[in-house]
Amino acid sequence: MEAESGTILIVDDNPENLQVLFHTLRQGHYRVIVAEDAHSALERLQRQAPDLLLLDILMPDMDGFELYRRIRANPTTAGLPVIFLSALADRESVLRGLSQNAVDYITKPFHPEEVLMRVAKHLELTRLQRELKTRNQALEREVGERRRVEIQLAEALERMERLAQQDGLTGLANRRYLDEYLQQEWGRARREKASLAVILADVDHFKRYNDRLGHLAGDDALRAVAHALHGVLRRPADLAARYGGEEFALVLPHTDLEGALVVARMIREAMAALALPHPDSDWGHLSLSVGVAARLPHNDDPAALLRAADAALYRAKASGRNRVDGAPLS
């Protein structure tokens, strides 16, 4: 026995029409449900939604147009394809039926072969529409999933990029990113004819600190210093980095020597407020020696600025440590 190819509900108050349509559609291997009035049809639709509805227009109590309106008003049956069946063959009636978005309009008396052809066409169209909807939904899910993966990948790449730019111990920028950023800001300052400042800070007698308290305590101290340095910065473009070992660097765009010396003094104040005990220091707590340099960039590279800041740092350490030294560059 051939499998049924769809379920069709026939609504017609004429028993003869119902019988003819029933046998005609069964020849097409459809499952057929019948209702003799609109109210019976609504009850059947509540129990089961068919694939297609053949709906007579001229019925007592509630005509086909009113039943169709109720079907469309119900979200569960709103998308049900409907073919009107009617003895009203005038142009106005046909247009009224089709204007309500019925899929077809068959006039009585109907020909069984025509009914079968139209039913088959509309069921195939409905099947294709459902298949398209299913594929579109699958495609939307795939696109959504791909977008989710792309976002996750972008976030992972961003995290990796941040990690590649970050010092693992202190969380500040690492030396590689410091060099890139300094080169970038050097070019920007040259174009804008603005001063660029660099501050180098070295933890005083850090080897003694490690030897006395251990390397774990030393790591904790470096993290605390890094936090203090980062807390001093006020502008998004300012950068704090670990220069190497116990040495740190700050890059201050659009800052002259006077402004950089203000920041350097703030760094020393932050360190004093930190008050980390250093048993082998002349001051009893962890301190910094700070070198400052600033200049208007020329047609060279920032290496001269770093060398000047390093020279100022050397002078600060040679002068007794725990102090700031700086000089402008021409």
Protein backbone atom coordinates (compact mmCIF):
# COMPACT_ATOMS: atom_id res chain seq x y z
CA MET A 1 0.00 0.00 0.00
CA GLU A 2 1.37 3.39 -0.98
CA ALA A 3 2.08 5.76 1.91
CA GLU A 4 -0.26 8.68 2.45
CA SER A 5 1.15 11.92 1.03
CA GLY A 6 -0.57 14.46 3.25
CA THR A 7 -3.59 15.20 5.42
CA ILE A 8 -6.49 17.23 3.99
CA LEU A 9 -9.52 18.60 5.83
CA ILE A 10 -12.68 19.10 3.74
CA VAL A 11 -15.35 21.47 5.09
CA ASP A 12 -18.61 21.35 3.15
CA ASP A 13 -22.26 21.15 4.27
CA ASN A 14 -23.22 19.11 1.19
CA PRO A 15 -22.85 15.33 1.89
CA GLU A 16 -22.64 14.57 -1.83
CA ASN A 17 -19.76 16.99 -2.28
CA LEU A 18 -18.02 15.53 0.76
CA GLN A 19 -18.35 12.00 -0.61
CA VAL A 20 -17.03 12.89 -4.06
CA LEU A 21 -14.11 14.88 -2.66
CA PHE A 22 -13.32 12.17 -0.12
CA HIS A 23 -13.03 9.42 -2.76
CA THR A 24 -11.22 11.70 -5.19
CA LEU A 25 -8.56 12.62 -2.66
CA ARG A 26 -8.19 9.06 -1.41
CA GLN A 27 -7.25 8.16 -5.01
CA GLY A 28 -4.36 10.57 -4.57
CA HIS A 29 -3.32 8.64 -1.43
CA TYR A 30 -4.13 11.52 0.90
CA ARG A 31 -5.44 11.13 4.43
CA VAL A 32 -8.83 12.82 4.40
CA ILE A 33 -10.79 14.37 7.29
CA VAL A 34 -14.27 15.79 6.79
CA ALA A 35 -16.42 18.37 8.58
CA GLU A 36 -20.00 19.26 7.65
CA ASP A 37 -20.00 22.77 9.14
CA ALA A 38 -17.66 25.49 10.37
CA HIS A 39 -18.00 24.67 14.07
CA SER A 40 -17.09 21.01 13.48
CA ALA A 41 -14.14 22.19 11.42
CA LEU A 42 -12.86 24.40 14.28
CA GLU A 43 -13.13 21.46 16.68
CA ARG A 44 -11.13 19.23 14.34
CA LEU A 45 -8.51 21.92 13.83
CA GLN A 46 -8.02 22.11 17.60
CA ARG A 47 -7.22 18.39 17.64
CA GLN A 48 -5.05 18.21 14.52
CA ALA A 49 -3.66 20.65 11.99
CA PRO A 50 -3.93 19.28 8.42
CA ASP A 51 -1.56 20.05 5.56
CA LEU A 52 -4.31 21.63 3.44
CA LEU A 53 -7.91 22.80 3.93
CA LEU A 54 -10.63 22.60 1.24
CA LEU A 55 -13.24 25.10 2.41
CA ASP A 56 -16.77 25.61 1.06
CA ILE A 57 -17.93 29.23 1.16
CA LEU A 58 -21.73 28.89 1.27
CA MET A 59 -22.54 27.19 4.60
CA PRO A 60 -25.26 27.87 7.22
CA ASP A 61 -24.54 29.56 10.57
CA MET A 62 -20.97 30.52 9.62
CA ASP A 63 -19.84 30.89 6.02
CA GLY A 64 -16.43 29.97 4.68
CA PHE A 65 -15.12 33.55 4.75
CA GLU A 66 -15.85 33.90 8.48
CA LEU A 67 -14.32 30.50 9.22
CA TYR A 68 -11.27 31.49 7.21
CA ARG A 69 -10.98 34.74 9.22
CA ARG A 70 -11.01 32.77 12.51
CA ILE A 71 -8.43 30.33 11.18
CA ARG A 72 -6.11 33.20 10.27
CA ALA A 73 -6.64 34.85 13.68
CA ASN A 74 -5.43 31.72 15.50
CA PRO A 75 -1.58 31.60 15.63
CA THR A 76 -1.59 27.77 15.51
CA THR A 77 -3.57 27.66 12.24
CA ALA A 78 -2.70 31.04 10.70
CA GLY A 79 -0.30 29.50 8.20
CA LEU A 80 -2.63 26.72 7.06
CA PRO A 81 -3.02 26.76 3.23
CA VAL A 82 -6.69 27.05 2.20
CA ILE A 83 -8.42 26.35 -1.11
CA PHE A 84 -11.91 27.81 -1.37
CA LEU A 85 -14.65 25.63 -2.94
CA SER A 86 -17.70 27.52 -4.12
CA ALA A 87 -20.57 27.58 -6.54
CA LEU A 88 -19.98 31.34 -6.67
CA ALA A 89 -18.12 31.61 -9.93
CA ASP A 90 -18.52 35.34 -10.54
CA ARG A 91 -15.40 37.44 -10.78
CA GLU A 92 -16.15 39.41 -7.60
CA SER A 93 -16.46 36.25 -5.45
CA VAL A 94 -13.30 34.72 -6.88
CA LEU A 95 -11.33 37.91 -6.31
CA ARG A 96 -12.69 38.19 -2.77
CA GLY A 97 -11.50 34.67 -2.00
CA LEU A 98 -8.06 35.14 -3.49
CA SER A 99 -7.63 38.59 -1.95
CA GLN A 100 -7.75 37.00 1.51
CA ASN A 101 -4.57 35.09 0.70
CA ALA A 102 -6.21 31.76 0.04
CA VAL A 103 -3.89 29.66 -2.09
CA ASP A 104 -6.58 28.83 -4.67
CA TYR A 105 -10.26 29.07 -5.59
CA ILE A 106 -12.08 26.13 -7.22
CA THR A 107 -15.57 26.64 -8.58
CA LYS A 108 -18.33 24.07 -8.46
CA PRO A 109 -19.10 21.79 -10.13
CA PHE A 110 -15.47 20.72 -9.93
CA HIS A 111 -13.60 18.12 -11.94
CA PRO A 112 -11.86 15.45 -9.83
CA GLU A 113 -8.72 15.52 -11.99
CA GLU A 114 -8.46 19.29 -11.60
CA VAL A 115 -8.92 19.05 -7.84
CA LEU A 116 -6.18 16.42 -7.59
CA MET A 117 -3.79 18.49 -9.72
CA ARG A 118 -4.36 21.68 -7.73
CA VAL A 119 -4.13 19.89 -4.38
CA ALA A 120 -0.90 18.17 -5.42
CA LYS A 121 0.55 21.49 -6.61
CA HIS A 122 -0.25 23.33 -3.39
CA LEU A 123 0.90 20.51 -1.13
CA GLU A 124 4.19 20.37 -3.01
CA LEU A 125 4.50 24.14 -2.70
CA THR A 126 3.78 23.91 1.03
CA ARG A 127 6.35 21.13 1.40
CA LEU A 128 8.97 23.19 -0.41
CA GLN A 129 8.17 26.26 1.71
CA ARG A 130 8.53 24.24 4.91
CA GLU A 131 11.77 22.73 3.66
CA LEU A 132 13.05 26.20 2.79
CA LYS A 133 12.05 27.46 6.23
CA THR A 134 13.81 24.54 7.88
CA ARG A 135 16.93 25.11 5.82
CA ASN A 136 16.85 28.84 6.55
CA GLN A 137 16.52 28.14 10.26
CA ALA A 138 19.43 25.71 10.05
CA LEU A 139 21.41 28.31 8.12
CA GLU A 140 20.58 30.97 10.72
CA ARG A 141 21.74 28.62 13.46
CA GLU A 142 24.91 27.90 11.50
CA VAL A 143 25.53 31.61 10.90
CA GLY A 144 24.85 32.32 14.58
CA GLU A 145 27.18 29.54 15.64
CA ARG A 146 29.85 30.73 13.21
CA ARG A 147 29.46 34.28 14.51
CA ARG A 148 29.74 33.00 18.08
CA VAL A 149 32.92 31.09 17.19
CA GLU A 150 34.31 34.16 15.39
CA ILE A 151 33.64 36.31 18.46
CA GLN A 152 35.27 33.72 20.72
CA LEU A 153 38.25 33.52 18.36
CA ALA A 154 38.57 37.31 18.24
CA GLU A 155 38.40 37.46 22.04
CA ALA A 156 41.00 34.69 22.33
CA LEU A 157 43.29 36.49 19.86
CA GLU A 158 42.81 39.71 21.80
CA ARG A 159 43.69 37.93 25.04
CA MET A 160 46.73 36.38 23.39
CA GLU A 161 47.77 39.77 22.04
CA ARG A 162 47.38 41.30 25.50
CA LEU A 163 49.40 38.48 27.00
CA ALA A 164 52.07 38.96 24.33
CA GLN A 165 52.25 42.63 25.36
CA GLN A 166 52.11 42.02 29.09
CA ASP A 167 54.77 41.26 31.66
CA GLY A 168 53.81 37.98 33.30
CA LEU A 169 54.85 38.98 36.82
CA THR A 170 53.63 42.54 37.18
CA GLY A 171 50.85 42.82 34.62
CA LEU A 172 52.43 45.97 33.16
CA ALA A 173 53.47 46.24 29.53
CA ASN A 174 56.54 44.15 28.73
CA ARG A 175 59.79 45.34 27.17
CA ARG A 176 58.77 44.36 23.64
CA TYR A 177 55.57 46.36 23.79
CA LEU A 178 57.38 49.25 25.48
CA ASP A 179 59.80 49.49 22.53
CA GLU A 180 56.91 49.37 20.02
CA TYR A 181 54.89 51.94 21.90
CA LEU A 182 57.83 54.29 22.36
CA GLN A 183 58.57 54.13 18.63
CA GLN A 184 54.92 54.79 17.84
CA GLU A 185 54.67 57.78 20.19
CA TRP A 186 57.98 59.11 18.98
CA GLY A 187 56.60 59.26 15.42
CA ARG A 188 53.37 60.85 16.63
CA ALA A 189 55.24 63.49 18.68
CA ARG A 190 57.45 64.30 15.71
CA ARG A 191 54.43 64.84 13.47
CA GLU A 192 52.64 66.92 16.09
CA LYS A 193 55.82 68.74 17.19
CA ALA A 194 55.08 67.76 20.80
CA SER A 195 57.41 66.85 23.65
CA LEU A 196 57.75 63.22 24.68
CA ALA A 197 59.00 62.17 28.12
CA VAL A 198 60.42 58.92 29.49
CA ILE A 199 60.86 58.01 33.15
CA LEU A 200 63.10 55.12 34.26
CA ALA A 201 62.73 53.91 37.85
CA ASP A 202 64.93 51.35 39.60
CA VAL A 203 64.16 49.67 42.94
CA ASP A 204 67.00 50.57 45.33
CA HIS A 205 69.09 47.68 46.71
CA PHE A 206 66.68 45.09 45.37
CA LYS A 207 69.30 42.33 45.41
CA ARG A 208 69.65 42.84 49.16
CA TYR A 209 65.87 42.62 49.48
CA ASN A 210 65.79 39.31 47.64
CA ASP A 211 68.77 37.92 49.58
CA ARG A 212 67.20 38.81 52.91
CA LEU A 213 63.49 38.06 52.30
CA GLY A 214 63.57 35.59 49.42
CA HIS A 215 62.52 35.69 45.81
CA LEU A 216 58.82 35.16 46.51
CA ALA A 217 58.78 38.27 48.65
CA GLY A 218 60.76 40.00 45.92
CA ASP A 219 58.11 39.09 43.34
CA ASP A 220 55.39 40.42 45.64
CA ALA A 221 57.35 43.65 46.06
CA LEU A 222 57.72 44.10 42.29
CA ARG A 223 53.99 43.60 41.83
CA ALA A 224 53.31 46.22 44.51
CA VAL A 225 55.70 48.68 42.85
CA ALA A 226 54.06 48.05 39.47
CA HIS A 227 50.63 48.74 40.98
CA ALA A 228 51.88 51.97 42.51
CA LEU A 229 53.41 53.12 39.21
CA HIS A 230 50.28 52.34 37.26
CA GLY A 231 48.20 54.18 39.83
CA VAL A 232 50.15 57.38 39.22
CA LEU A 233 49.20 57.56 35.54
CA ARG A 234 46.21 59.74 34.75
CA ARG A 235 45.88 59.72 30.96
CA PRO A 236 44.95 56.83 28.63
CA ALA A 237 48.02 57.44 26.46
CA ASP A 238 50.47 57.15 29.40
CA LEU A 239 52.18 53.77 29.60
CA ALA A 240 53.87 51.94 32.48
CA ALA A 241 56.11 48.99 31.60
CA ARG A 242 58.57 46.63 33.19
CA TYR A 243 61.89 47.57 31.61
CA GLY A 244 63.74 44.56 32.99
CA GLY A 245 64.46 42.99 36.38
CA GLU A 246 63.63 45.56 39.04
CA GLU A 247 63.62 48.47 36.57
CA PHE A 248 60.46 50.13 35.26
CA ALA A 249 59.72 52.66 32.52
CA LEU A 250 56.97 55.19 31.92
CA VAL A 251 56.19 56.79 28.57
CA LEU A 252 54.41 60.15 28.80
CA PRO A 253 53.23 61.61 25.46
CA HIS A 254 52.73 65.39 25.18
CA THR A 255 54.78 65.92 28.34
CA ASP A 256 57.77 68.23 28.82
CA LEU A 257 60.49 67.81 31.45
CA GLU A 258 58.66 69.87 34.05
CA GLY A 259 55.52 67.77 33.70
CA ALA A 260 57.52 64.53 33.79
CA LEU A 261 59.31 65.63 36.99
CA VAL A 262 55.89 66.17 38.60
CA VAL A 263 54.98 62.58 37.71
CA ALA A 264 58.35 61.36 39.02
CA ARG A 265 57.73 63.04 42.37
CA MET A 266 54.28 61.44 42.48
CA ILE A 267 55.96 58.08 41.96
CA ARG A 268 58.22 58.62 44.98
CA GLU A 269 55.24 59.72 47.06
CA ALA A 270 53.35 56.59 46.02
CA MET A 271 56.33 54.47 47.05
CA ALA A 272 56.56 56.22 50.42
CA ALA A 273 52.84 55.59 50.95
CA LEU A 274 53.38 51.94 50.03
CA ALA A 275 55.83 51.68 52.96
CA LEU A 276 57.13 48.22 52.12
CA PRO A 277 59.74 47.34 54.79
CA HIS A 278 63.29 46.84 53.46
CA PRO A 279 65.57 45.67 56.32
CA ASP A 280 68.77 46.36 54.32
CA SER A 281 67.89 49.84 53.10
CA ASP A 282 69.14 53.13 54.51
CA TRP A 283 65.51 54.29 54.74
CA GLY A 284 63.98 51.13 56.18
CA HIS A 285 61.51 50.78 53.31
CA LEU A 286 61.53 50.04 49.61
CA SER A 287 62.46 53.08 47.52
CA LEU A 288 63.10 54.08 43.92
CA SER A 289 65.79 55.96 42.08
CA VAL A 290 64.25 57.82 39.17
CA GLY A 291 65.69 59.25 35.95
CA VAL A 292 63.68 61.58 33.74
CA ALA A 293 64.24 62.82 30.18
CA ALA A 294 62.06 64.77 27.74
CA ARG A 295 62.52 66.26 24.29
CA LEU A 296 60.95 67.30 21.03
CA PRO A 297 61.71 64.45 18.58
CA HIS A 298 63.94 65.10 15.58
CA ASN A 299 64.64 62.95 12.54
CA ASP A 300 66.17 60.20 14.66
CA ASP A 301 64.82 57.46 16.92
CA PRO A 302 63.84 57.34 20.61
CA ALA A 303 67.04 55.57 21.63
CA ALA A 304 68.60 58.93 22.55
CA LEU A 305 65.65 59.64 24.86
CA LEU A 306 66.09 56.30 26.61
CA ARG A 307 69.83 56.87 26.96
CA ALA A 308 69.19 60.28 28.50
CA ALA A 309 66.70 58.85 30.99
CA ASP A 310 69.15 56.05 31.82
CA ALA A 311 71.93 58.59 32.37
CA ALA A 312 69.66 60.58 34.69
CA LEU A 313 68.84 57.37 36.58
CA TYR A 314 72.55 56.62 36.96
CA ARG A 315 73.11 60.11 38.40
CA ALA A 316 70.21 59.61 40.86
CA LYS A 317 71.72 56.33 42.06
CA ALA A 318 75.25 57.77 42.21
CA SER A 319 73.96 60.69 44.28
CA GLY A 320 72.67 58.42 47.04
CA ARG A 321 69.55 56.73 45.58
CA ASN A 322 65.94 57.37 46.56
CA ARG A 323 65.82 60.53 44.48
CA VAL A 324 64.90 61.99 41.08
CA ASP A 325 67.27 63.34 38.46
CA GLY A 326 66.38 64.79 35.09
CA ALA A 327 67.56 67.12 32.39
CA PRO A 328 66.08 68.38 29.11
CA LEU A 329 67.51 67.30 25.78
CA SER A 330 68.08 69.65 22.89
